[in-house]
Amino acid sequence: MMRSLLQFERGGVRGVAALDGAGKACRLNNTTSTRELALDALSAGIGMRELAQQRASEAIDLTAVTLLCPVDHADPAHLLVSGTGLTHLGSAEGRDKMHRAAASGETLTDSMRMFLMGMEGGKPDAGAIGVQPEWFYKGDGDILVAPGAPLTAPGFAEDGSEEPEIAGVYLIDAAGNPVRLGFVLGNEFSDHIVERTNYLWLAHSKLRQAALGPELLLGDLPASISGTSRILRDGKLLWEKAFLSGETNMSHSIANLEHHHFKNAHFRRAGDVHVHFFGTATLSFSDGVTTQHGDVFEIEADAFRLPVRNPLVREAACAPVEVRVL
């Protein structure tokens, strides 16, 4: 059975491959993007997995091609990258370390209050609407970094650290309805020093690149996912920690996170693609790690065969941006 989809380039020509449970990849005929496959599946009234099976062709060696992000859009402005925080069991602990008021150990931070709201109302009964999560915007399709490509910390950034997360991938159909294409493993990447300075700067800390693994996992997300996040420096292990995801390990249901994103009508524009990160509870920053230029982030999870692996690059400090009057 087709387990996941990958986008690739070979000799300047794009293509899509399907990966089965044994790790065997085969090229799909007449398909140059996962978005194209999704549109064709919608038109035919069938699922992506079924259409991929119909188009499966010769076996392909993934080491002989360049792997791309598993989803994109010909016009990057029509791909929105966003996410939610404080959605995983234990996620408040790391955030609370950054935001806790030193004056009183009994005072709940806003982060802890939001986490507890999710614990109490983040998994409503079917047909009901639960409490809304924290939400943030990251950017458009231009911020997505392909497998193996550098993750760049901007010149104004005070930190560039990993966030191992699962993200949902969606296409808005012709009638303005969101359709989930699958799930990706990603590194949401953030500036935790800025966020720690003042939690109202959370939005600022998120406005930077994010890396996606090569696989678009089809079908439902496993209830529990086990993974490992690590940082390599000069080829040696600097930090490593296990992480958990999937609804069993979350304070919100995925359906609740999806509702509170797509309830906004301007996120339901026909033809647009959305990559929506679901959050994490595991950060090297919470363990006192300071990343540096040349470090390599590596994230793997049991639901995906291929890891997310990207080196960190730091841009030079930026000069003030001047705005001219027209």
C-alpha atoms as a PDB file:
ATOM      1  CA  MET A   1       0.000   0.000   0.000  1.00  0.00           C
ATOM      2  CA  MET A   2       1.150   3.526  -0.767  1.00  0.00           C
ATOM      3  CA  ARG A   3       2.208   5.046   2.555  1.00  0.00           C
ATOM      4  CA  SER A   4       3.527   8.485   1.626  1.00  0.00           C
ATOM      5  CA  LEU A   5       4.335  10.812  -1.257  1.00  0.00           C
ATOM      6  CA  LEU A   6       7.583  12.609  -2.095  1.00  0.00           C
ATOM      7  CA  GLN A   7       8.377  15.376  -4.557  1.00  0.00           C
ATOM      8  CA  PHE A   8      11.693  15.197  -6.359  1.00  0.00           C
ATOM      9  CA  GLU A   9      13.721  16.707  -9.161  1.00  0.00           C
ATOM     10  CA  ARG A  10      15.926  14.809 -11.597  1.00  0.00           C
ATOM     11  CA  GLY A  11      17.745  16.431 -14.482  1.00  0.00           C
ATOM     12  CA  GLY A  12      15.760  19.621 -14.033  1.00  0.00           C
ATOM     13  CA  VAL A  13      12.448  17.763 -14.304  1.00  0.00           C
ATOM     14  CA  ARG A  14      10.071  17.521 -11.362  1.00  0.00           C
ATOM     15  CA  GLY A  15       8.196  14.423 -10.363  1.00  0.00           C
ATOM     16  CA  VAL A  16       6.275  12.721  -7.556  1.00  0.00           C
ATOM     17  CA  ALA A  17       7.068   9.331  -6.064  1.00  0.00           C
ATOM     18  CA  ALA A  18       5.022   7.083  -3.791  1.00  0.00           C
ATOM     19  CA  LEU A  19       6.692   5.242  -0.924  1.00  0.00           C
ATOM     20  CA  ASP A  20       5.286   1.972   0.385  1.00  0.00           C
ATOM     21  CA  GLY A  21       5.576   0.480   3.853  1.00  0.00           C
ATOM     22  CA  ALA A  22       8.768  -1.368   2.940  1.00  0.00           C
ATOM     23  CA  GLY A  23      10.478   1.809   1.792  1.00  0.00           C
ATOM     24  CA  LYS A  24      10.238   1.073  -1.933  1.00  0.00           C
ATOM     25  CA  ALA A  25       9.646   4.173  -4.057  1.00  0.00           C
ATOM     26  CA  CYS A  26       7.975   4.312  -7.450  1.00  0.00           C
ATOM     27  CA  ARG A  27       7.443   7.242  -9.767  1.00  0.00           C
ATOM     28  CA  LEU A  28       3.915   8.417 -10.558  1.00  0.00           C
ATOM     29  CA  ASN A  29       3.022   8.921 -14.212  1.00  0.00           C
ATOM     30  CA  ASN A  30       1.698  12.282 -15.401  1.00  0.00           C
ATOM     31  CA  THR A  31       2.285  13.950 -12.026  1.00  0.00           C
ATOM     32  CA  THR A  32       4.644  16.839 -11.318  1.00  0.00           C
ATOM     33  CA  SER A  33       3.431  17.926  -7.868  1.00  0.00           C
ATOM     34  CA  THR A  34       1.446  16.654  -4.907  1.00  0.00           C
ATOM     35  CA  ARG A  35      -0.906  19.618  -5.283  1.00  0.00           C
ATOM     36  CA  GLU A  36      -1.586  18.568  -8.884  1.00  0.00           C
ATOM     37  CA  LEU A  37      -2.275  15.012  -7.715  1.00  0.00           C
ATOM     38  CA  ALA A  38      -4.672  16.330  -5.071  1.00  0.00           C
ATOM     39  CA  LEU A  39      -6.555  18.466  -7.590  1.00  0.00           C
ATOM     40  CA  ASP A  40      -6.839  15.510  -9.952  1.00  0.00           C
ATOM     41  CA  ALA A  41      -8.089  13.292  -7.109  1.00  0.00           C
ATOM     42  CA  LEU A  42     -10.733  15.863  -6.188  1.00  0.00           C
ATOM     43  CA  SER A  43     -11.814  16.094  -9.829  1.00  0.00           C
ATOM     44  CA  ALA A  44     -12.050  12.301 -10.097  1.00  0.00           C
ATOM     45  CA  GLY A  45     -13.845  11.946  -6.773  1.00  0.00           C
ATOM     46  CA  ILE A  46     -11.280   9.521  -5.337  1.00  0.00           C
ATOM     47  CA  GLY A  47      -8.606   9.608  -2.644  1.00  0.00           C
ATOM     48  CA  MET A  48      -4.970  10.540  -3.205  1.00  0.00           C
ATOM     49  CA  ARG A  49      -3.760   7.082  -2.258  1.00  0.00           C
ATOM     50  CA  GLU A  50      -6.061   5.463  -4.824  1.00  0.00           C
ATOM     51  CA  LEU A  51      -4.982   7.837  -7.579  1.00  0.00           C
ATOM     52  CA  ALA A  52      -1.311   7.369  -6.677  1.00  0.00           C
ATOM     53  CA  GLN A  53      -1.796   3.609  -6.950  1.00  0.00           C
ATOM     54  CA  GLN A  54      -3.324   4.025 -10.416  1.00  0.00           C
ATOM     55  CA  ARG A  55      -0.381   6.163 -11.577  1.00  0.00           C
ATOM     56  CA  ALA A  56       2.398   4.076 -10.017  1.00  0.00           C
ATOM     57  CA  SER A  57       5.168   3.376 -12.524  1.00  0.00           C
ATOM     58  CA  GLU A  58       8.793   2.214 -12.404  1.00  0.00           C
ATOM     59  CA  ALA A  59      10.840   1.992  -9.224  1.00  0.00           C
ATOM     60  CA  ILE A  60      12.989   5.011  -8.448  1.00  0.00           C
ATOM     61  CA  ASP A  61      16.250   5.312  -6.509  1.00  0.00           C
ATOM     62  CA  LEU A  62      15.799   8.155  -4.041  1.00  0.00           C
ATOM     63  CA  THR A  63      19.568   8.560  -3.706  1.00  0.00           C
ATOM     64  CA  ALA A  64      19.739   9.453  -7.405  1.00  0.00           C
ATOM     65  CA  VAL A  65      17.294  12.379  -7.208  1.00  0.00           C
ATOM     66  CA  THR A  66      17.022  15.674  -5.345  1.00  0.00           C
ATOM     67  CA  LEU A  67      14.260  15.515  -2.774  1.00  0.00           C
ATOM     68  CA  LEU A  68      12.046  18.599  -2.502  1.00  0.00           C
ATOM     69  CA  CYS A  69       9.557  19.751   0.108  1.00  0.00           C
ATOM     70  CA  PRO A  70       6.650  17.281  -0.046  1.00  0.00           C
ATOM     71  CA  VAL A  71       4.208  20.078  -0.855  1.00  0.00           C
ATOM     72  CA  ASP A  72       4.482  23.471  -2.529  1.00  0.00           C
ATOM     73  CA  HIS A  73       2.565  25.898  -4.727  1.00  0.00           C
ATOM     74  CA  ALA A  74       3.537  27.426  -8.067  1.00  0.00           C
ATOM     75  CA  ASP A  75       2.774  30.804  -6.468  1.00  0.00           C
ATOM     76  CA  PRO A  76       4.355  30.706  -2.959  1.00  0.00           C
ATOM     77  CA  ALA A  77       2.055  33.524  -1.816  1.00  0.00           C
ATOM     78  CA  HIS A  78      -0.794  31.007  -1.979  1.00  0.00           C
ATOM     79  CA  LEU A  79       0.805  28.648   0.552  1.00  0.00           C
ATOM     80  CA  LEU A  80       0.287  29.695   4.172  1.00  0.00           C
ATOM     81  CA  VAL A  81       2.496  28.361   6.982  1.00  0.00           C
ATOM     82  CA  SER A  82       1.069  28.653  10.494  1.00  0.00           C
ATOM     83  CA  GLY A  83       0.939  26.743  13.742  1.00  0.00           C
ATOM     84  CA  THR A  84      -0.296  26.249  17.277  1.00  0.00           C
ATOM     85  CA  GLY A  85       1.514  26.071  20.598  1.00  0.00           C
ATOM     86  CA  LEU A  86       0.922  24.645  24.083  1.00  0.00           C
ATOM     87  CA  THR A  87      -0.891  21.704  22.508  1.00  0.00           C
ATOM     88  CA  HIS A  88       1.184  18.797  23.835  1.00  0.00           C
ATOM     89  CA  LEU A  89       1.286  17.219  27.278  1.00  0.00           C
ATOM     90  CA  GLY A  90       4.348  18.695  28.911  1.00  0.00           C
ATOM     91  CA  SER A  91       4.559  21.615  26.485  1.00  0.00           C
ATOM     92  CA  ALA A  92       3.778  24.123  29.209  1.00  0.00           C
ATOM     93  CA  GLU A  93       6.827  23.081  31.238  1.00  0.00           C
ATOM     94  CA  GLY A  94       9.415  24.381  28.783  1.00  0.00           C
ATOM     95  CA  ARG A  95       7.400  27.510  28.034  1.00  0.00           C
ATOM     96  CA  ASP A  96       6.836  28.160  31.724  1.00  0.00           C
ATOM     97  CA  LYS A  97      10.589  28.012  32.364  1.00  0.00           C
ATOM     98  CA  MET A  98      10.950  30.953  30.007  1.00  0.00           C
ATOM     99  CA  HIS A  99       7.954  32.971  31.163  1.00  0.00           C
ATOM    100  CA  ARG A 100       7.647  32.232  34.887  1.00  0.00           C
ATOM    101  CA  ALA A 101       7.451  35.316  37.069  1.00  0.00           C
ATOM    102  CA  ALA A 102      10.294  35.241  39.581  1.00  0.00           C
ATOM    103  CA  ALA A 103       8.253  37.138  42.165  1.00  0.00           C
ATOM    104  CA  SER A 104       5.720  34.443  42.946  1.00  0.00           C
ATOM    105  CA  GLY A 105       5.860  30.704  42.428  1.00  0.00           C
ATOM    106  CA  GLU A 106       2.095  30.551  43.006  1.00  0.00           C
ATOM    107  CA  THR A 107       1.174  32.868  40.131  1.00  0.00           C
ATOM    108  CA  LEU A 108       0.144  31.064  36.962  1.00  0.00           C
ATOM    109  CA  THR A 109       1.723  32.467  33.830  1.00  0.00           C
ATOM    110  CA  ASP A 110      -0.457  33.196  30.813  1.00  0.00           C
ATOM    111  CA  SER A 111       1.214  30.249  29.102  1.00  0.00           C
ATOM    112  CA  MET A 112       0.234  27.868  31.898  1.00  0.00           C
ATOM    113  CA  ARG A 113      -3.318  29.208  31.944  1.00  0.00           C
ATOM    114  CA  MET A 114      -3.644  28.641  28.200  1.00  0.00           C
ATOM    115  CA  PHE A 115      -2.223  25.136  28.527  1.00  0.00           C
ATOM    116  CA  LEU A 116      -4.729  24.296  31.284  1.00  0.00           C
ATOM    117  CA  MET A 117      -7.561  25.635  29.109  1.00  0.00           C
ATOM    118  CA  GLY A 118      -6.491  23.145  26.450  1.00  0.00           C
ATOM    119  CA  MET A 119      -6.341  20.318  28.977  1.00  0.00           C
ATOM    120  CA  GLU A 120      -9.901  21.097  30.068  1.00  0.00           C
ATOM    121  CA  GLY A 121     -11.499  21.868  26.707  1.00  0.00           C
ATOM    122  CA  GLY A 122      -9.148  21.002  23.859  1.00  0.00           C
ATOM    123  CA  LYS A 123     -10.722  17.643  23.014  1.00  0.00           C
ATOM    124  CA  PRO A 124     -14.468  18.282  22.665  1.00  0.00           C
ATOM    125  CA  ASP A 125     -17.026  15.607  21.842  1.00  0.00           C
ATOM    126  CA  ALA A 126     -17.742  14.962  18.172  1.00  0.00           C
ATOM    127  CA  GLY A 127     -19.742  17.829  16.705  1.00  0.00           C
ATOM    128  CA  ALA A 128     -18.787  20.235  19.491  1.00  0.00           C
ATOM    129  CA  ILE A 129     -16.269  23.085  19.401  1.00  0.00           C
ATOM    130  CA  GLY A 130     -13.504  23.139  21.971  1.00  0.00           C
ATOM    131  CA  VAL A 131     -11.377  25.939  23.383  1.00  0.00           C
ATOM    132  CA  GLN A 132      -9.178  27.701  20.842  1.00  0.00           C
ATOM    133  CA  PRO A 133      -5.399  27.149  20.996  1.00  0.00           C
ATOM    134  CA  GLU A 134      -2.568  29.600  20.762  1.00  0.00           C
ATOM    135  CA  TRP A 135      -2.060  30.392  17.046  1.00  0.00           C
ATOM    136  CA  PHE A 136       0.796  31.945  15.107  1.00  0.00           C
ATOM    137  CA  TYR A 137       1.738  32.828  11.532  1.00  0.00           C
ATOM    138  CA  LYS A 138       5.147  31.865  10.146  1.00  0.00           C
ATOM    139  CA  GLY A 139       5.111  32.920   6.512  1.00  0.00           C
ATOM    140  CA  ASP A 140       4.255  31.805   2.993  1.00  0.00           C
ATOM    141  CA  GLY A 141       5.686  29.104   0.748  1.00  0.00           C
ATOM    142  CA  ASP A 142       9.013  30.903   0.396  1.00  0.00           C
ATOM    143  CA  ILE A 143       9.986  30.102   3.986  1.00  0.00           C
ATOM    144  CA  LEU A 144       9.841  26.320   3.549  1.00  0.00           C
ATOM    145  CA  VAL A 145      13.283  24.705   3.430  1.00  0.00           C
ATOM    146  CA  ALA A 146      13.793  21.501   1.458  1.00  0.00           C
ATOM    147  CA  PRO A 147      15.398  18.331   2.852  1.00  0.00           C
ATOM    148  CA  GLY A 148      19.110  18.865   3.493  1.00  0.00           C
ATOM    149  CA  ALA A 149      19.041  22.585   2.672  1.00  0.00           C
ATOM    150  CA  PRO A 150      20.312  25.148   5.208  1.00  0.00           C
ATOM    151  CA  LEU A 151      17.989  26.611   7.818  1.00  0.00           C
ATOM    152  CA  THR A 152      18.892  30.276   8.011  1.00  0.00           C
ATOM    153  CA  ALA A 153      18.687  32.337  11.183  1.00  0.00           C
ATOM    154  CA  PRO A 154      18.136  35.984  10.153  1.00  0.00           C
ATOM    155  CA  GLY A 155      20.771  38.578  10.908  1.00  0.00           C
ATOM    156  CA  PHE A 156      18.511  40.149  13.536  1.00  0.00           C
ATOM    157  CA  ALA A 157      17.831  36.827  15.304  1.00  0.00           C
ATOM    158  CA  GLU A 158      19.096  36.215  18.827  1.00  0.00           C
ATOM    159  CA  ASP A 159      18.611  32.462  18.596  1.00  0.00           C
ATOM    160  CA  GLY A 160      17.885  29.765  16.037  1.00  0.00           C
ATOM    161  CA  SER A 161      16.643  26.549  17.609  1.00  0.00           C
ATOM    162  CA  GLU A 162      14.726  23.491  16.509  1.00  0.00           C
ATOM    163  CA  GLU A 163      11.123  22.543  17.245  1.00  0.00           C
ATOM    164  CA  PRO A 164      10.314  18.946  16.228  1.00  0.00           C
ATOM    165  CA  GLU A 165       6.695  18.887  15.102  1.00  0.00           C
ATOM    166  CA  ILE A 166       4.043  17.219  13.002  1.00  0.00           C
ATOM    167  CA  ALA A 167       2.175  19.482  10.586  1.00  0.00           C
ATOM    168  CA  GLY A 168      -1.034  18.951   8.676  1.00  0.00           C
ATOM    169  CA  VAL A 169      -1.097  19.747   4.943  1.00  0.00           C
ATOM    170  CA  TYR A 170      -4.318  21.045   3.384  1.00  0.00           C
ATOM    171  CA  LEU A 171      -5.731  22.137   0.042  1.00  0.00           C
ATOM    172  CA  ILE A 172      -8.788  24.370  -0.231  1.00  0.00           C
ATOM    173  CA  ASP A 173     -11.165  22.890  -2.809  1.00  0.00           C
ATOM    174  CA  ALA A 174     -13.155  24.811  -5.424  1.00  0.00           C
ATOM    175  CA  ALA A 175     -16.062  25.267  -3.018  1.00  0.00           C
ATOM    176  CA  GLY A 176     -13.839  26.777  -0.321  1.00  0.00           C
ATOM    177  CA  ASN A 177     -13.651  23.674   1.878  1.00  0.00           C
ATOM    178  CA  PRO A 178     -10.358  22.540   3.478  1.00  0.00           C
ATOM    179  CA  VAL A 179      -9.231  19.052   2.481  1.00  0.00           C
ATOM    180  CA  ARG A 180      -6.434  17.366   4.402  1.00  0.00           C
ATOM    181  CA  LEU A 181      -3.830  15.835   2.086  1.00  0.00           C
ATOM    182  CA  GLY A 182      -1.719  14.289   4.825  1.00  0.00           C
ATOM    183  CA  PHE A 183       0.922  14.999   7.449  1.00  0.00           C
ATOM    184  CA  VAL A 184       4.581  15.979   7.396  1.00  0.00           C
ATOM    185  CA  LEU A 185       7.419  15.819   9.904  1.00  0.00           C
ATOM    186  CA  GLY A 186       9.069  19.184  10.316  1.00  0.00           C
ATOM    187  CA  ASN A 187      11.419  21.499  12.172  1.00  0.00           C
ATOM    188  CA  GLU A 188       9.350  24.571  12.989  1.00  0.00           C
ATOM    189  CA  PHE A 189      12.504  26.574  13.966  1.00  0.00           C
ATOM    190  CA  SER A 190      12.174  29.599  16.207  1.00  0.00           C
ATOM    191  CA  ASP A 191      13.945  32.325  18.178  1.00  0.00           C
ATOM    192  CA  HIS A 192      13.485  31.307  21.800  1.00  0.00           C
ATOM    193  CA  ILE A 193      15.562  34.123  23.270  1.00  0.00           C
ATOM    194  CA  VAL A 194      13.182  36.688  21.788  1.00  0.00           C
ATOM    195  CA  GLU A 195      10.216  34.654  22.992  1.00  0.00           C
ATOM    196  CA  ARG A 196      11.679  34.300  26.496  1.00  0.00           C
ATOM    197  CA  THR A 197      12.274  38.050  26.759  1.00  0.00           C
ATOM    198  CA  ASN A 198       8.541  38.739  26.510  1.00  0.00           C
ATOM    199  CA  TYR A 199       5.825  36.261  25.565  1.00  0.00           C
ATOM    200  CA  LEU A 200       4.123  39.025  23.563  1.00  0.00           C
ATOM    201  CA  TRP A 201       7.051  38.642  21.166  1.00  0.00           C
ATOM    202  CA  LEU A 202       6.030  35.070  20.350  1.00  0.00           C
ATOM    203  CA  ALA A 203       4.777  36.252  16.942  1.00  0.00           C
ATOM    204  CA  HIS A 204       8.151  37.841  16.197  1.00  0.00           C
ATOM    205  CA  SER A 205      10.013  34.692  17.197  1.00  0.00           C
ATOM    206  CA  LYS A 206       8.097  32.627  14.634  1.00  0.00           C
ATOM    207  CA  LEU A 207       8.680  34.801  11.548  1.00  0.00           C
ATOM    208  CA  ARG A 208      11.455  32.774   9.946  1.00  0.00           C
ATOM    209  CA  GLN A 209      12.070  29.599   7.968  1.00  0.00           C
ATOM    210  CA  ALA A 210      10.791  26.105   8.694  1.00  0.00           C
ATOM    211  CA  ALA A 211      12.103  22.797   7.358  1.00  0.00           C
ATOM    212  CA  LEU A 212       9.980  19.888   6.172  1.00  0.00           C
ATOM    213  CA  GLY A 213      10.958  16.266   5.833  1.00  0.00           C
ATOM    214  CA  PRO A 214      10.529  14.726   2.384  1.00  0.00           C
ATOM    215  CA  GLU A 215       7.402  12.650   3.134  1.00  0.00           C
ATOM    216  CA  LEU A 216       3.721  13.527   2.944  1.00  0.00           C
ATOM    217  CA  LEU A 217       2.136  10.801   5.083  1.00  0.00           C
ATOM    218  CA  LEU A 218      -1.236   9.781   3.636  1.00  0.00           C
ATOM    219  CA  GLY A 219      -4.311   8.859   5.647  1.00  0.00           C
ATOM    220  CA  ASP A 220      -4.812   9.355   9.366  1.00  0.00           C
ATOM    221  CA  LEU A 221      -2.065  10.258  11.811  1.00  0.00           C
ATOM    222  CA  PRO A 222      -1.202   7.482  14.294  1.00  0.00           C
ATOM    223  CA  ALA A 223      -2.619   8.181  17.753  1.00  0.00           C
ATOM    224  CA  SER A 224       0.851   8.109  19.286  1.00  0.00           C
ATOM    225  CA  ILE A 225       4.127   8.967  17.575  1.00  0.00           C
ATOM    226  CA  SER A 226       7.590   8.504  19.070  1.00  0.00           C
ATOM    227  CA  GLY A 227      10.526  10.452  17.752  1.00  0.00           C
ATOM    228  CA  THR A 228      14.005  11.727  18.487  1.00  0.00           C
ATOM    229  CA  SER A 229      15.371  15.223  18.063  1.00  0.00           C
ATOM    230  CA  ARG A 230      19.133  15.765  18.025  1.00  0.00           C
ATOM    231  CA  ILE A 231      21.800  18.339  17.256  1.00  0.00           C
ATOM    232  CA  LEU A 232      25.162  17.462  15.771  1.00  0.00           C
ATOM    233  CA  ARG A 233      28.192  19.740  16.029  1.00  0.00           C
ATOM    234  CA  ASP A 234      31.333  19.051  14.013  1.00  0.00           C
ATOM    235  CA  GLY A 235      29.954  15.592  13.271  1.00  0.00           C
ATOM    236  CA  LYS A 236      29.496  14.706  16.949  1.00  0.00           C
ATOM    237  CA  LEU A 237      26.315  14.437  18.993  1.00  0.00           C
ATOM    238  CA  LEU A 238      25.750  17.626  20.996  1.00  0.00           C
ATOM    239  CA  TRP A 239      22.214  17.008  22.295  1.00  0.00           C
ATOM    240  CA  GLU A 240      19.519  14.367  21.882  1.00  0.00           C
ATOM    241  CA  LYS A 241      16.066  13.893  23.329  1.00  0.00           C
ATOM    242  CA  ALA A 242      13.007  11.765  22.639  1.00  0.00           C
ATOM    243  CA  PHE A 243       9.683  13.430  21.891  1.00  0.00           C
ATOM    244  CA  LEU A 244       6.071  12.300  21.605  1.00  0.00           C
ATOM    245  CA  SER A 245       3.275  13.507  19.350  1.00  0.00           C
ATOM    246  CA  GLY A 246      -0.085  12.312  18.086  1.00  0.00           C
ATOM    247  CA  GLU A 247      -3.417  12.939  19.806  1.00  0.00           C
ATOM    248  CA  THR A 248      -2.675  10.563  22.701  1.00  0.00           C
ATOM    249  CA  ASN A 249       0.117  12.931  23.707  1.00  0.00           C
ATOM    250  CA  MET A 250      -1.747  16.172  22.978  1.00  0.00           C
ATOM    251  CA  SER A 251      -4.063  18.407  24.986  1.00  0.00           C
ATOM    252  CA  HIS A 252      -6.032  19.310  21.844  1.00  0.00           C
ATOM    253  CA  SER A 253      -7.551  17.079  19.208  1.00  0.00           C
ATOM    254  CA  ILE A 254      -6.364  17.636  15.658  1.00  0.00           C
ATOM    255  CA  ALA A 255      -9.973  18.296  14.621  1.00  0.00           C
ATOM    256  CA  ASN A 256     -10.166  21.119  17.179  1.00  0.00           C
ATOM    257  CA  LEU A 257      -6.917  22.660  15.949  1.00  0.00           C
ATOM    258  CA  GLU A 258      -8.163  22.421  12.370  1.00  0.00           C
ATOM    259  CA  HIS A 259     -11.504  24.035  13.198  1.00  0.00           C
ATOM    260  CA  HIS A 260      -9.934  27.019  14.922  1.00  0.00           C
ATOM    261  CA  HIS A 261      -7.623  27.606  11.962  1.00  0.00           C
ATOM    262  CA  PHE A 262     -10.110  27.188   9.147  1.00  0.00           C
ATOM    263  CA  LYS A 263     -13.019  28.937  10.897  1.00  0.00           C
ATOM    264  CA  ASN A 264     -11.407  32.072   9.475  1.00  0.00           C
ATOM    265  CA  ALA A 265     -13.007  32.560   6.058  1.00  0.00           C
ATOM    266  CA  HIS A 266      -9.894  34.138   4.520  1.00  0.00           C
ATOM    267  CA  PHE A 267      -8.057  30.846   5.165  1.00  0.00           C
ATOM    268  CA  ARG A 268     -10.525  29.060   2.895  1.00  0.00           C
ATOM    269  CA  ARG A 269      -9.583  30.583  -0.460  1.00  0.00           C
ATOM    270  CA  ALA A 270      -9.993  28.044  -3.264  1.00  0.00           C
ATOM    271  CA  GLY A 271      -6.710  26.593  -4.513  1.00  0.00           C
ATOM    272  CA  ASP A 272      -4.580  27.683  -1.547  1.00  0.00           C
ATOM    273  CA  VAL A 273      -2.333  25.267   0.343  1.00  0.00           C
ATOM    274  CA  HIS A 274      -1.827  25.339   4.128  1.00  0.00           C
ATOM    275  CA  VAL A 275       0.926  23.808   6.243  1.00  0.00           C
ATOM    276  CA  HIS A 276      -0.197  23.961   9.876  1.00  0.00           C
ATOM    277  CA  PHE A 277       2.200  22.919  12.655  1.00  0.00           C
ATOM    278  CA  PHE A 278       0.657  21.197  15.679  1.00  0.00           C
ATOM    279  CA  GLY A 279       3.245  22.028  18.359  1.00  0.00           C
ATOM    280  CA  THR A 280       5.839  20.223  20.466  1.00  0.00           C
ATOM    281  CA  ALA A 281       6.920  19.659  24.053  1.00  0.00           C
ATOM    282  CA  THR A 282      10.636  19.118  23.405  1.00  0.00           C
ATOM    283  CA  LEU A 283      13.223  21.874  22.901  1.00  0.00           C
ATOM    284  CA  SER A 284      17.000  21.860  23.214  1.00  0.00           C
ATOM    285  CA  PHE A 285      16.741  25.499  24.335  1.00  0.00           C
ATOM    286  CA  SER A 286      14.879  24.369  27.469  1.00  0.00           C
ATOM    287  CA  ASP A 287      17.917  22.231  28.291  1.00  0.00           C
ATOM    288  CA  GLY A 288      20.289  25.189  28.025  1.00  0.00           C
ATOM    289  CA  VAL A 289      21.641  24.454  24.546  1.00  0.00           C
ATOM    290  CA  THR A 290      22.899  27.402  22.498  1.00  0.00           C
ATOM    291  CA  THR A 291      23.069  26.610  18.792  1.00  0.00           C
ATOM    292  CA  GLN A 292      25.732  27.961  16.474  1.00  0.00           C
ATOM    293  CA  HIS A 293      26.500  28.267  12.780  1.00  0.00           C
ATOM    294  CA  GLY A 294      27.194  24.847  11.273  1.00  0.00           C
ATOM    295  CA  ASP A 295      25.155  22.791  13.752  1.00  0.00           C
ATOM    296  CA  VAL A 296      22.979  20.138  12.132  1.00  0.00           C
ATOM    297  CA  PHE A 297      19.396  19.517  13.266  1.00  0.00           C
ATOM    298  CA  GLU A 298      18.092  15.990  12.826  1.00  0.00           C
ATOM    299  CA  ILE A 299      14.524  14.916  13.604  1.00  0.00           C
ATOM    300  CA  GLU A 300      13.094  11.452  13.079  1.00  0.00           C
ATOM    301  CA  ALA A 301       9.803   9.784  14.049  1.00  0.00           C
ATOM    302  CA  ASP A 302       8.422   6.265  13.783  1.00  0.00           C
ATOM    303  CA  ALA A 303       5.531   7.278  11.520  1.00  0.00           C
ATOM    304  CA  PHE A 304       7.985   8.494   8.854  1.00  0.00           C
ATOM    305  CA  ARG A 305      10.754   6.550   7.118  1.00  0.00           C
ATOM    306  CA  LEU A 306      12.924   9.557   6.311  1.00  0.00           C
ATOM    307  CA  PRO A 307      14.258  12.191   8.757  1.00  0.00           C
ATOM    308  CA  VAL A 308      14.295  15.980   8.687  1.00  0.00           C
ATOM    309  CA  ARG A 309      17.960  16.991   8.484  1.00  0.00           C
ATOM    310  CA  ASN A 310      19.228  20.547   7.956  1.00  0.00           C
ATOM    311  CA  PRO A 311      22.358  22.534   8.857  1.00  0.00           C
ATOM    312  CA  LEU A 312      22.034  25.868  10.639  1.00  0.00           C
ATOM    313  CA  VAL A 313      23.353  28.965   8.901  1.00  0.00           C
ATOM    314  CA  ARG A 314      23.478  32.376  10.562  1.00  0.00           C
ATOM    315  CA  GLU A 315      23.230  35.477   8.418  1.00  0.00           C
ATOM    316  CA  ALA A 316      25.419  38.495   9.133  1.00  0.00           C
ATOM    317  CA  ALA A 317      23.892  41.216  11.283  1.00  0.00           C
ATOM    318  CA  CYS A 318      21.500  43.368   9.299  1.00  0.00           C
ATOM    319  CA  ALA A 319      21.546  47.150   8.933  1.00  0.00           C
ATOM    320  CA  PRO A 320      18.445  49.239   9.706  1.00  0.00           C
ATOM    321  CA  VAL A 321      15.815  48.976   6.973  1.00  0.00           C
ATOM    322  CA  GLU A 322      15.124  52.393   5.490  1.00  0.00           C
ATOM    323  CA  VAL A 323      11.757  53.225   3.946  1.00  0.00           C
ATOM    324  CA  ARG A 324      11.664  55.920   1.285  1.00  0.00           C
ATOM    325  CA  VAL A 325       8.790  58.265   0.628  1.00  0.00           C
ATOM    326  CA  LEU A 326       7.300  58.055  -2.856  1.00  0.00           C
END
